């Protein structure tokens, strides 16, 4: 349990510093955003979640997505390195994978 907690806190701090350096967030804003992202990732692994994010064209999108094993189609593994500044999820409405920038998450639920 403690190891998992330390891993989550390490991920949270790395993501917070990325938001500060790349997107110009204050540390307080970055920590708040990182907590929200951490909670979204955990919820996506448990089931279908409603969340909002801002698309690159400025439009706000309401999405219903998941990362739960039984709810997504089987995919072939890729050798691509995971981009830490993106959240990738399976969109239940569009029936395909989508992604958005961590900094663009607005609200979960």
PDB file of N, CA and C in Angstrom:
ATOM      1  N   UNK A   1       0.823  -1.195   0.000  1.00  0.00           N
ATOM      2  CA  UNK A   1       0.000   0.000   0.000  1.00  0.00           C
ATOM      3  C   UNK A   1       0.864   1.255   0.000  1.00  0.00           C
ATOM      4  N   UNK A   2       1.853   1.297   0.868  1.00  0.00           N
ATOM      5  CA  UNK A   2       2.704   2.478   0.965  1.00  0.00           C
ATOM      6  C   UNK A   2       3.486   2.694  -0.319  1.00  0.00           C
ATOM      7  N   UNK A   3       3.915   1.601  -0.950  1.00  0.00           N
ATOM      8  CA  UNK A   3       4.663   1.714  -2.198  1.00  0.00           C
ATOM      9  C   UNK A   3       3.785   2.304  -3.293  1.00  0.00           C
ATOM     10  N   UNK A   4       2.531   1.861  -3.364  1.00  0.00           N
ATOM     11  CA  UNK A   4       1.598   2.376  -4.351  1.00  0.00           C
ATOM     12  C   UNK A   4       1.338   3.862  -4.111  1.00  0.00           C
ATOM     13  N   UNK A   5       1.198   4.250  -2.849  1.00  0.00           N
ATOM     14  CA  UNK A   5       0.970   5.648  -2.497  1.00  0.00           C
ATOM     15  C   UNK A   5       2.162   6.508  -2.911  1.00  0.00           C
ATOM     16  N   UNK A   6       3.367   6.025  -2.624  1.00  0.00           N
ATOM     17  CA  UNK A   6       4.572   6.770  -3.001  1.00  0.00           C
ATOM     18  C   UNK A   6       4.670   6.923  -4.512  1.00  0.00           C
ATOM     19  N   UNK A   7       4.310   5.872  -5.237  1.00  0.00           N
ATOM     20  CA  UNK A   7       4.343   5.922  -6.703  1.00  0.00           C
ATOM     21  C   UNK A   7       3.355   6.971  -7.221  1.00  0.00           C
ATOM     22  N   UNK A   8       2.152   7.000  -6.642  1.00  0.00           N
ATOM     23  CA  UNK A   8       1.151   7.980  -7.047  1.00  0.00           C
ATOM     24  C   UNK A   8       1.601   9.404  -6.736  1.00  0.00           C
ATOM     25  N   UNK A   9       2.195   9.606  -5.579  1.00  0.00           N
ATOM     26  CA  UNK A   9       2.668  10.941  -5.202  1.00  0.00           C
ATOM     27  C   UNK A   9       3.818  11.387  -6.103  1.00  0.00           C
ATOM     28  N   UNK A  10       4.680  10.456  -6.467  1.00  0.00           N
ATOM     29  CA  UNK A  10       5.781  10.763  -7.376  1.00  0.00           C
ATOM     30  C   UNK A  10       5.240  11.178  -8.739  1.00  0.00           C
ATOM     31  N   UNK A  11       4.252  10.428  -9.236  1.00  0.00           N
ATOM     32  CA  UNK A  11       3.628  10.750 -10.520  1.00  0.00           C
ATOM     33  C   UNK A  11       2.946  12.111 -10.450  1.00  0.00           C
ATOM     34  N   UNK A  12       2.278  12.378  -9.326  1.00  0.00           N
ATOM     35  CA  UNK A  12       1.585  13.646  -9.125  1.00  0.00           C
ATOM     36  C   UNK A  12       2.555  14.826  -9.179  1.00  0.00           C
ATOM     37  N   UNK A  13       3.683  14.710  -8.491  1.00  0.00           N
ATOM     38  CA  UNK A  13       4.669  15.794  -8.469  1.00  0.00           C
ATOM     39  C   UNK A  13       5.319  15.999  -9.839  1.00  0.00           C
ATOM     40  N   UNK A  14       5.643  14.911 -10.537  1.00  0.00           N
ATOM     41  CA  UNK A  14       6.229  15.027 -11.879  1.00  0.00           C
ATOM     42  C   UNK A  14       5.268  15.740 -12.819  1.00  0.00           C
ATOM     43  N   UNK A  15       3.991  15.350 -12.737  1.00  0.00           N
ATOM     44  CA  UNK A  15       2.990  15.968 -13.593  1.00  0.00           C
ATOM     45  C   UNK A  15       2.796  17.441 -13.232  1.00  0.00           C
ATOM     46  N   UNK A  16       2.823  17.757 -11.952  1.00  0.00           N
ATOM     47  CA  UNK A  16       2.678  19.149 -11.511  1.00  0.00           C
ATOM     48  C   UNK A  16       3.809  20.010 -12.054  1.00  0.00           C
ATOM     49  N   UNK A  17       5.040  19.522 -11.951  1.00  0.00           N
ATOM     50  CA  UNK A  17       6.175  20.289 -12.464  1.00  0.00           C
ATOM     51  C   UNK A  17       6.103  20.450 -13.976  1.00  0.00           C
ATOM     52  N   UNK A  18       5.599  19.431 -14.676  1.00  0.00           N
ATOM     53  CA  UNK A  18       5.434  19.539 -16.125  1.00  0.00           C
ATOM     54  C   UNK A  18       4.434  20.649 -16.453  1.00  0.00           C
ATOM     55  N   UNK A  19       3.334  20.722 -15.700  1.00  0.00           N
ATOM     56  CA  UNK A  19       2.337  21.767 -15.929  1.00  0.00           C
ATOM     57  C   UNK A  19       2.908  23.155 -15.651  1.00  0.00           C
ATOM     58  N   UNK A  20       3.755  23.270 -14.638  1.00  0.00           N
ATOM     59  CA  UNK A  20       4.387  24.556 -14.313  1.00  0.00           C
ATOM     60  C   UNK A  20       5.335  24.965 -15.432  1.00  0.00           C
ATOM     61  N   UNK A  21       6.198  24.051 -15.844  1.00  0.00           N
ATOM     62  CA  UNK A  21       7.222  24.375 -16.848  1.00  0.00           C
ATOM     63  C   UNK A  21       6.648  24.592 -18.240  1.00  0.00           C
ATOM     64  N   UNK A  22       5.785  23.688 -18.683  1.00  0.00           N
ATOM     65  CA  UNK A  22       5.305  23.719 -20.069  1.00  0.00           C
ATOM     66  C   UNK A  22       4.141  24.679 -20.270  1.00  0.00           C
ATOM     67  N   UNK A  23       3.177  24.674 -19.350  1.00  0.00           N
ATOM     68  CA  UNK A  23       1.952  25.439 -19.555  1.00  0.00           C
ATOM     69  C   UNK A  23       1.873  26.715 -18.725  1.00  0.00           C
ATOM     70  N   UNK A  24       2.847  26.973 -17.867  1.00  0.00           N
ATOM     71  CA  UNK A  24       2.870  28.205 -17.099  1.00  0.00           C
ATOM     72  C   UNK A  24       1.895  28.250 -15.933  1.00  0.00           C
ATOM     73  N   UNK A  25       1.461  27.110 -15.444  1.00  0.00           N
ATOM     74  CA  UNK A  25       0.583  27.064 -14.276  1.00  0.00           C
ATOM     75  C   UNK A  25       1.364  27.521 -13.046  1.00  0.00           C
ATOM     76  N   UNK A  26       0.665  28.049 -12.050  1.00  0.00           N
ATOM     77  CA  UNK A  26       1.306  28.249 -10.746  1.00  0.00           C
ATOM     78  C   UNK A  26       1.378  26.867 -10.100  1.00  0.00           C
ATOM     79  N   UNK A  27       2.210  26.704  -9.086  1.00  0.00           N
ATOM     80  CA  UNK A  27       2.347  25.389  -8.459  1.00  0.00           C
ATOM     81  C   UNK A  27       1.028  24.942  -7.827  1.00  0.00           C
ATOM     82  N   UNK A  28       0.280  25.871  -7.255  1.00  0.00           N
ATOM     83  CA  UNK A  28      -1.011  25.534  -6.643  1.00  0.00           C
ATOM     84  C   UNK A  28      -2.002  25.034  -7.703  1.00  0.00           C
ATOM     85  N   UNK A  29      -2.077  25.754  -8.840  1.00  0.00           N
ATOM     86  CA  UNK A  29      -2.958  25.331  -9.930  1.00  0.00           C
ATOM     87  C   UNK A  29      -2.535  23.971 -10.475  1.00  0.00           C
ATOM     88  N   UNK A  30      -1.230  23.784 -10.614  1.00  0.00           N
ATOM     89  CA  UNK A  30      -0.693  22.536 -11.158  1.00  0.00           C
ATOM     90  C   UNK A  30      -1.015  21.356 -10.245  1.00  0.00           C
ATOM     91  N   UNK A  31      -0.892  21.550  -8.937  1.00  0.00           N
ATOM     92  CA  UNK A  31      -1.211  20.476  -7.992  1.00  0.00           C
ATOM     93  C   UNK A  31      -2.702  20.132  -8.046  1.00  0.00           C
ATOM     94  N   UNK A  32      -3.538  21.154  -8.120  1.00  0.00           N
ATOM     95  CA  UNK A  32      -4.984  20.931  -8.198  1.00  0.00           C
ATOM     96  C   UNK A  32      -5.336  20.156  -9.471  1.00  0.00           C
ATOM     97  N   UNK A  33      -4.755  20.558 -10.590  1.00  0.00           N
ATOM     98  CA  UNK A  33      -5.005  19.894 -11.869  1.00  0.00           C
ATOM     99  C   UNK A  33      -4.487  18.453 -11.834  1.00  0.00           C
ATOM    100  N   UNK A  34      -3.321  18.248 -11.253  1.00  0.00           N
ATOM    101  CA  UNK A  34      -2.731  16.910 -11.174  1.00  0.00           C
ATOM    102  C   UNK A  34      -3.576  15.974 -10.317  1.00  0.00           C
ATOM    103  N   UNK A  35      -4.126  16.480  -9.220  1.00  0.00           N
ATOM    104  CA  UNK A  35      -5.017  15.664  -8.388  1.00  0.00           C
ATOM    105  C   UNK A  35      -6.251  15.268  -9.182  1.00  0.00           C
ATOM    106  N   UNK A  36      -6.792  16.218  -9.935  1.00  0.00           N
ATOM    107  CA  UNK A  36      -7.983  15.950 -10.737  1.00  0.00           C
ATOM    108  C   UNK A  36      -7.680  14.872 -11.787  1.00  0.00           C
ATOM    109  N   UNK A  37      -6.513  14.950 -12.414  1.00  0.00           N
ATOM    110  CA  UNK A  37      -6.105  13.965 -13.416  1.00  0.00           C
ATOM    111  C   UNK A  37      -5.921  12.594 -12.771  1.00  0.00           C
ATOM    112  N   UNK A  38      -5.296  12.555 -11.609  1.00  0.00           N
ATOM    113  CA  UNK A  38      -5.080  11.293 -10.892  1.00  0.00           C
ATOM    114  C   UNK A  38      -6.418  10.627 -10.557  1.00  0.00           C
ATOM    115  N   UNK A  39      -7.380  11.423 -10.097  1.00  0.00           N
ATOM    116  CA  UNK A  39      -8.707  10.895  -9.774  1.00  0.00           C
ATOM    117  C   UNK A  39      -9.426  10.404 -11.029  1.00  0.00           C
ATOM    118  N   UNK A  40      -9.282  11.129 -12.142  1.00  0.00           N
ATOM    119  CA  UNK A  40      -9.906  10.713 -13.397  1.00  0.00           C
ATOM    120  C   UNK A  40      -9.322   9.388 -13.874  1.00  0.00           C
ATOM    121  N   UNK A  41      -8.006   9.260 -13.848  1.00  0.00           N
ATOM    122  CA  UNK A  41      -7.369   8.013 -14.292  1.00  0.00           C
ATOM    123  C   UNK A  41      -7.836   6.827 -13.453  1.00  0.00           C
ATOM    124  N   UNK A  42      -7.953   7.018 -12.146  1.00  0.00           N
ATOM    125  CA  UNK A  42      -8.426   5.947 -11.259  1.00  0.00           C
ATOM    126  C   UNK A  42      -9.874   5.578 -11.581  1.00  0.00           C
ATOM    127  N   UNK A  43     -10.712   6.581 -11.807  1.00  0.00           N
ATOM    128  CA  UNK A  43     -12.121   6.337 -12.117  1.00  0.00           C
ATOM    129  C   UNK A  43     -12.280   5.655 -13.476  1.00  0.00           C
ATOM    130  N   UNK A  44     -11.462   6.045 -14.461  1.00  0.00           N
ATOM    131  CA  UNK A  44     -11.529   5.431 -15.788  1.00  0.00           C
ATOM    132  C   UNK A  44     -11.208   3.939 -15.728  1.00  0.00           C
ATOM    133  N   UNK A  45     -10.323   3.552 -14.834  1.00  0.00           N
ATOM    134  CA  UNK A  45      -9.956   2.136 -14.697  1.00  0.00           C
ATOM    135  C   UNK A  45     -11.051   1.321 -14.015  1.00  0.00           C
ATOM    136  N   UNK A  46     -11.978   2.004 -13.306  1.00  0.00           N
ATOM    137  CA  UNK A  46     -13.045   1.305 -12.587  1.00  0.00           C
ATOM    138  C   UNK A  46     -14.322   1.172 -13.404  1.00  0.00           C
ATOM    139  N   UNK A  47     -14.549   2.074 -14.368  1.00  0.00           N
ATOM    140  CA  UNK A  47     -15.785   2.021 -15.144  1.00  0.00           C
ATOM    141  C   UNK A  47     -15.930   3.227 -16.052  1.00  0.00           C
ATOM    142  N   UNK A  48     -17.166   3.461 -16.498  1.00  0.00           N
ATOM    143  CA  UNK A  48     -17.461   4.570 -17.403  1.00  0.00           C
ATOM    144  C   UNK A  48     -17.596   5.853 -16.584  1.00  0.00           C
ATOM    145  N   UNK A  49     -16.945   6.914 -17.061  1.00  0.00           N
ATOM    146  CA  UNK A  49     -16.898   8.183 -16.334  1.00  0.00           C
ATOM    147  C   UNK A  49     -17.285   9.322 -17.276  1.00  0.00           C
ATOM    148  N   UNK A  50     -18.034  10.286 -16.742  1.00  0.00           N
ATOM    149  CA  UNK A  50     -18.359  11.502 -17.489  1.00  0.00           C
ATOM    150  C   UNK A  50     -17.361  12.571 -17.078  1.00  0.00           C
ATOM    151  N   UNK A  51     -16.752  13.238 -18.067  1.00  0.00           N
ATOM    152  CA  UNK A  51     -15.813  14.311 -17.773  1.00  0.00           C
ATOM    153  C   UNK A  51     -15.831  15.329 -18.901  1.00  0.00           C
ATOM    154  N   UNK A  52     -15.284  16.511 -18.613  1.00  0.00           N
ATOM    155  CA  UNK A  52     -15.266  17.610 -19.567  1.00  0.00           C
ATOM    156  C   UNK A  52     -13.830  18.054 -19.801  1.00  0.00           C
ATOM    157  N   UNK A  53     -13.520  18.379 -21.050  1.00  0.00           N
ATOM    158  CA  UNK A  53     -12.211  18.942 -21.366  1.00  0.00           C
ATOM    159  C   UNK A  53     -12.339  19.902 -22.540  1.00  0.00           C
ATOM    160  N   UNK A  54     -11.343  20.763 -22.675  1.00  0.00           N
ATOM    161  CA  UNK A  54     -11.336  21.744 -23.754  1.00  0.00           C
ATOM    162  C   UNK A  54     -10.544  21.188 -24.927  1.00  0.00           C
ATOM    163  N   UNK A  55     -11.178  21.169 -26.100  1.00  0.00           N
ATOM    164  CA  UNK A  55     -10.502  20.689 -27.300  1.00  0.00           C
ATOM    165  C   UNK A  55      -9.528  21.758 -27.789  1.00  0.00           C
ATOM    166  N   UNK A  56      -8.659  21.387 -28.716  1.00  0.00           N
ATOM    167  CA  UNK A  56      -7.656  22.324 -29.228  1.00  0.00           C
ATOM    168  C   UNK A  56      -8.278  23.523 -29.936  1.00  0.00           C
ATOM    169  N   UNK A  57      -9.489  23.347 -30.509  1.00  0.00           N
ATOM    170  CA  UNK A  57     -10.146  24.464 -31.186  1.00  0.00           C
ATOM    171  C   UNK A  57     -10.905  25.370 -30.210  1.00  0.00           C
ATOM    172  N   UNK A  58     -10.839  25.075 -28.896  1.00  0.00           N
ATOM    173  CA  UNK A  58     -11.474  25.907 -27.883  1.00  0.00           C
ATOM    174  C   UNK A  58     -12.828  25.406 -27.427  1.00  0.00           C
ATOM    175  N   UNK A  59     -13.391  24.465 -28.135  1.00  0.00           N
ATOM    176  CA  UNK A  59     -14.698  23.908 -27.800  1.00  0.00           C
ATOM    177  C   UNK A  59     -14.592  23.023 -26.552  1.00  0.00           C
ATOM    178  N   UNK A  60     -15.593  23.094 -25.678  1.00  0.00           N
ATOM    179  CA  UNK A  60     -15.626  22.235 -24.491  1.00  0.00           C
ATOM    180  C   UNK A  60     -16.387  20.967 -24.852  1.00  0.00           C
ATOM    181  N   UNK A  61     -15.791  19.836 -24.565  1.00  0.00           N
ATOM    182  CA  UNK A  61     -16.389  18.555 -24.923  1.00  0.00           C
ATOM    183  C   UNK A  61     -16.763  17.775 -23.670  1.00  0.00           C
ATOM    184  N   UNK A  62     -17.971  17.253 -23.663  1.00  0.00           N
ATOM    185  CA  UNK A  62     -18.434  16.355 -22.609  1.00  0.00           C
ATOM    186  C   UNK A  62     -18.206  14.941 -23.125  1.00  0.00           C
ATOM    187  N   UNK A  63     -17.450  14.143 -22.402  1.00  0.00           N
ATOM    188  CA  UNK A  63     -17.114  12.799 -22.864  1.00  0.00           C
ATOM    189  C   UNK A  63     -17.511  11.752 -21.837  1.00  0.00           C
ATOM    190  N   UNK A  64     -17.897  10.595 -22.339  1.00  0.00           N
ATOM    191  CA  UNK A  64     -18.138   9.413 -21.522  1.00  0.00           C
ATOM    192  C   UNK A  64     -17.082   8.407 -21.928  1.00  0.00           C
ATOM    193  N   UNK A  65     -16.149   8.125 -21.029  1.00  0.00           N
ATOM    194  CA  UNK A  65     -15.045   7.248 -21.395  1.00  0.00           C
ATOM    195  C   UNK A  65     -14.705   6.243 -20.316  1.00  0.00           C
ATOM    196  N   UNK A  66     -13.853   5.281 -20.694  1.00  0.00           N
ATOM    197  CA  UNK A  66     -13.417   4.249 -19.765  1.00  0.00           C
ATOM    198  C   UNK A  66     -12.061   3.697 -20.170  1.00  0.00           C
ATOM    199  N   UNK A  67     -11.429   3.020 -19.238  1.00  0.00           N
ATOM    200  CA  UNK A  67     -10.220   2.239 -19.496  1.00  0.00           C
ATOM    201  C   UNK A  67     -10.359   0.858 -18.852  1.00  0.00           C
ATOM    202  N   UNK A  68     -11.581   0.498 -18.448  1.00  0.00           N
ATOM    203  CA  UNK A  68     -11.822  -0.789 -17.793  1.00  0.00           C
ATOM    204  C   UNK A  68     -11.690  -1.913 -18.816  1.00  0.00           C
ATOM    205  N   UNK A  69     -10.945  -2.942 -18.454  1.00  0.00           N
ATOM    206  CA  UNK A  69     -10.616  -4.052 -19.353  1.00  0.00           C
ATOM    207  C   UNK A  69     -11.821  -4.646 -20.071  1.00  0.00           C
ATOM    208  N   UNK A  70     -12.884  -4.979 -19.364  1.00  0.00           N
ATOM    209  CA  UNK A  70     -14.025  -5.649 -19.975  1.00  0.00           C
ATOM    210  C   UNK A  70     -14.890  -4.765 -20.857  1.00  0.00           C
ATOM    211  N   UNK A  71     -14.707  -3.458 -20.799  1.00  0.00           N
ATOM    212  CA  UNK A  71     -15.570  -2.525 -21.529  1.00  0.00           C
ATOM    213  C   UNK A  71     -14.952  -1.970 -22.803  1.00  0.00           C
ATOM    214  N   UNK A  72     -13.686  -2.267 -23.046  1.00  0.00           N
ATOM    215  CA  UNK A  72     -13.025  -1.761 -24.253  1.00  0.00           C
ATOM    216  C   UNK A  72     -12.633  -2.928 -25.150  1.00  0.00           C
ATOM    217  N   UNK A  73     -12.605  -2.704 -26.467  1.00  0.00           N
ATOM    218  CA  UNK A  73     -12.204  -3.789 -27.365  1.00  0.00           C
ATOM    219  C   UNK A  73     -10.723  -4.121 -27.196  1.00  0.00           C
ATOM    220  N   UNK A  74     -10.378  -5.337 -27.553  1.00  0.00           N
ATOM    221  CA  UNK A  74      -8.986  -5.760 -27.449  1.00  0.00           C
ATOM    222  C   UNK A  74      -8.137  -4.989 -28.457  1.00  0.00           C
ATOM    223  N   UNK A  75      -6.981  -4.548 -28.023  1.00  0.00           N
ATOM    224  CA  UNK A  75      -6.089  -3.785 -28.896  1.00  0.00           C
ATOM    225  C   UNK A  75      -4.744  -4.472 -28.985  1.00  0.00           C
ATOM    226  N   UNK A  76      -4.089  -4.218 -30.089  1.00  0.00           N
ATOM    227  CA  UNK A  76      -2.736  -4.738 -30.254  1.00  0.00           C
ATOM    228  C   UNK A  76      -1.788  -3.798 -29.527  1.00  0.00           C
ATOM    229  N   UNK A  77      -0.811  -4.352 -28.851  1.00  0.00           N
ATOM    230  CA  UNK A  77       0.168  -3.518 -28.155  1.00  0.00           C
ATOM    231  C   UNK A  77       1.039  -2.772 -29.153  1.00  0.00           C
ATOM    232  N   UNK A  78       1.476  -1.598 -28.773  1.00  0.00           N
ATOM    233  CA  UNK A  78       2.359  -0.829 -29.640  1.00  0.00           C
ATOM    234  C   UNK A  78       3.666  -0.598 -28.906  1.00  0.00           C
ATOM    235  N   UNK A  79       4.656  -0.282 -29.656  1.00  0.00           N
ATOM    236  CA  UNK A  79       5.976  -0.024 -29.083  1.00  0.00           C
ATOM    237  C   UNK A  79       6.189   1.461 -28.810  1.00  0.00           C
ATOM    238  N   UNK A  80       5.147   2.267 -29.005  1.00  0.00           N
ATOM    239  CA  UNK A  80       5.277   3.708 -28.790  1.00  0.00           C
ATOM    240  C   UNK A  80       5.443   4.026 -27.315  1.00  0.00           C
ATOM    241  N   UNK A  81       6.255   5.029 -27.055  1.00  0.00           N
ATOM    242  CA  UNK A  81       6.440   5.502 -25.684  1.00  0.00           C
ATOM    243  C   UNK A  81       5.203   6.300 -25.280  1.00  0.00           C
ATOM    244  N   UNK A  82       4.743   6.105 -24.050  1.00  0.00           N
ATOM    245  CA  UNK A  82       3.565   6.807 -23.563  1.00  0.00           C
ATOM    246  C   UNK A  82       3.872   8.287 -23.380  1.00  0.00           C
ATOM    247  N   UNK A  83       2.984   9.147 -23.888  1.00  0.00           N
ATOM    248  CA  UNK A  83       3.119  10.589 -23.740  1.00  0.00           C
ATOM    249  C   UNK A  83       2.487  10.995 -22.411  1.00  0.00           C
ATOM    250  N   UNK A  84       3.298  11.460 -21.482  1.00  0.00           N
ATOM    251  CA  UNK A  84       2.827  11.795 -20.134  1.00  0.00           C
ATOM    252  C   UNK A  84       1.952  13.048 -20.090  1.00  0.00           C
ATOM    253  N   UNK A  85       1.975  13.863 -21.149  1.00  0.00           N
ATOM    254  CA  UNK A  85       1.174  15.084 -21.138  1.00  0.00           C
ATOM    255  C   UNK A  85      -0.217  14.864 -21.744  1.00  0.00           C
ATOM    256  N   UNK A  86      -0.553  13.616 -22.085  1.00  0.00           N
ATOM    257  CA  UNK A  86      -1.860  13.291 -22.650  1.00  0.00           C
ATOM    258  C   UNK A  86      -2.590  12.272 -21.790  1.00  0.00           C
ATOM    259  N   UNK A  87      -3.914  12.355 -21.809  1.00  0.00           N
ATOM    260  CA  UNK A  87      -4.757  11.317 -21.222  1.00  0.00           C
ATOM    261  C   UNK A  87      -5.440  10.628 -22.392  1.00  0.00           C
ATOM    262  N   UNK A  88      -5.235   9.333 -22.501  1.00  0.00           N
ATOM    263  CA  UNK A  88      -5.868   8.546 -23.549  1.00  0.00           C
ATOM    264  C   UNK A  88      -6.971   7.716 -22.908  1.00  0.00           C
ATOM    265  N   UNK A  89      -8.129   7.666 -23.568  1.00  0.00           N
ATOM    266  CA  UNK A  89      -9.266   6.922 -23.033  1.00  0.00           C
ATOM    267  C   UNK A  89     -10.078   6.347 -24.182  1.00  0.00           C
ATOM    268  N   UNK A  90     -10.938   5.382 -23.879  1.00  0.00           N
ATOM    269  CA  UNK A  90     -11.846   4.823 -24.875  1.00  0.00           C
ATOM    270  C   UNK A  90     -13.169   5.558 -24.748  1.00  0.00           C
ATOM    271  N   UNK A  91     -13.594   6.226 -25.825  1.00  0.00           N
ATOM    272  CA  UNK A  91     -14.824   7.009 -25.833  1.00  0.00           C
ATOM    273  C   UNK A  91     -15.997   6.085 -26.151  1.00  0.00           C
ATOM    274  N   UNK A  92     -16.929   5.938 -25.217  1.00  0.00           N
ATOM    275  CA  UNK A  92     -18.070   5.046 -25.413  1.00  0.00           C
ATOM    276  C   UNK A  92     -19.047   5.571 -26.457  1.00  0.00           C
ATOM    277  N   UNK A  93     -19.186   6.873 -26.591  1.00  0.00           N
ATOM    278  CA  UNK A  93     -20.111   7.442 -27.566  1.00  0.00           C
ATOM    279  C   UNK A  93     -19.581   7.300 -28.988  1.00  0.00           C
ATOM    280  N   UNK A  94     -18.304   7.547 -29.182  1.00  0.00           N
ATOM    281  CA  UNK A  94     -17.687   7.488 -30.509  1.00  0.00           C
ATOM    282  C   UNK A  94     -17.150   6.094 -30.842  1.00  0.00           C
ATOM    283  N   UNK A  95     -17.078   5.213 -29.852  1.00  0.00           N
ATOM    284  CA  UNK A  95     -16.564   3.843 -30.001  1.00  0.00           C
ATOM    285  C   UNK A  95     -15.157   3.830 -30.595  1.00  0.00           C
ATOM    286  N   UNK A  96     -14.306   4.704 -30.063  1.00  0.00           N
ATOM    287  CA  UNK A  96     -12.906   4.736 -30.498  1.00  0.00           C
ATOM    288  C   UNK A  96     -12.060   5.386 -29.404  1.00  0.00           C
ATOM    289  N   UNK A  97     -10.756   5.263 -29.568  1.00  0.00           N
ATOM    290  CA  UNK A  97      -9.842   5.868 -28.605  1.00  0.00           C
ATOM    291  C   UNK A  97      -9.693   7.351 -28.896  1.00  0.00           C
ATOM    292  N   UNK A  98      -9.614   8.138 -27.845  1.00  0.00           N
ATOM    293  CA  UNK A  98      -9.419   9.587 -27.927  1.00  0.00           C
ATOM    294  C   UNK A  98      -8.357   9.983 -26.912  1.00  0.00           C
ATOM    295  N   UNK A  99      -7.825  11.190 -27.071  1.00  0.00           N
ATOM    296  CA  UNK A  99      -6.873  11.707 -26.087  1.00  0.00           C
ATOM    297  C   UNK A  99      -6.993  13.224 -26.014  1.00  0.00           C
ATOM    298  N   UNK A 100      -6.538  13.767 -24.902  1.00  0.00           N
ATOM    299  CA  UNK A 100      -6.512  15.218 -24.724  1.00  0.00           C
ATOM    300  C   UNK A 100      -5.375  15.565 -23.779  1.00  0.00           C
ATOM    301  N   UNK A 101      -4.972  16.826 -23.802  1.00  0.00           N
ATOM    302  CA  UNK A 101      -3.867  17.282 -22.961  1.00  0.00           C
ATOM    303  C   UNK A 101      -4.305  17.357 -21.501  1.00  0.00           C
ATOM    304  N   UNK A 102      -3.401  16.975 -20.626  1.00  0.00           N
ATOM    305  CA  UNK A 102      -3.646  17.006 -19.184  1.00  0.00           C
ATOM    306  C   UNK A 102      -4.081  18.402 -18.744  1.00  0.00           C
ATOM    307  N   UNK A 103      -3.496  19.422 -19.322  1.00  0.00           N
ATOM    308  CA  UNK A 103      -3.793  20.805 -18.940  1.00  0.00           C
ATOM    309  C   UNK A 103      -5.208  21.224 -19.335  1.00  0.00           C
ATOM    310  N   UNK A 104      -5.848  20.487 -20.249  1.00  0.00           N
ATOM    311  CA  UNK A 104      -7.163  20.877 -20.750  1.00  0.00           C
ATOM    312  C   UNK A 104      -8.334  20.221 -20.026  1.00  0.00           C
ATOM    313  N   UNK A 105      -8.066  19.397 -19.028  1.00  0.00           N
ATOM    314  CA  UNK A 105      -9.145  18.780 -18.255  1.00  0.00           C
ATOM    315  C   UNK A 105      -9.850  19.868 -17.451  1.00  0.00           C
ATOM    316  N   UNK A 106     -11.180  19.906 -17.548  1.00  0.00           N
ATOM    317  CA  UNK A 106     -11.955  20.935 -16.857  1.00  0.00           C
ATOM    318  C   UNK A 106     -12.636  20.371 -15.612  1.00  0.00           C
ATOM    319  N   UNK A 107     -13.368  19.263 -15.780  1.00  0.00           N
ATOM    320  CA  UNK A 107     -14.166  18.750 -14.671  1.00  0.00           C
ATOM    321  C   UNK A 107     -14.408  17.255 -14.843  1.00  0.00           C
ATOM    322  N   UNK A 108     -14.427  16.544 -13.730  1.00  0.00           N
ATOM    323  CA  UNK A 108     -14.773  15.124 -13.728  1.00  0.00           C
ATOM    324  C   UNK A 108     -16.143  14.988 -13.101  1.00  0.00           C
ATOM    325  N   UNK A 109     -17.032  14.270 -13.793  1.00  0.00           N
ATOM    326  CA  UNK A 109     -18.370  14.027 -13.232  1.00  0.00           C
ATOM    327  C   UNK A 109     -19.331  14.988 -13.679  1.00  0.00           C
TER     328      UNK A 109
END
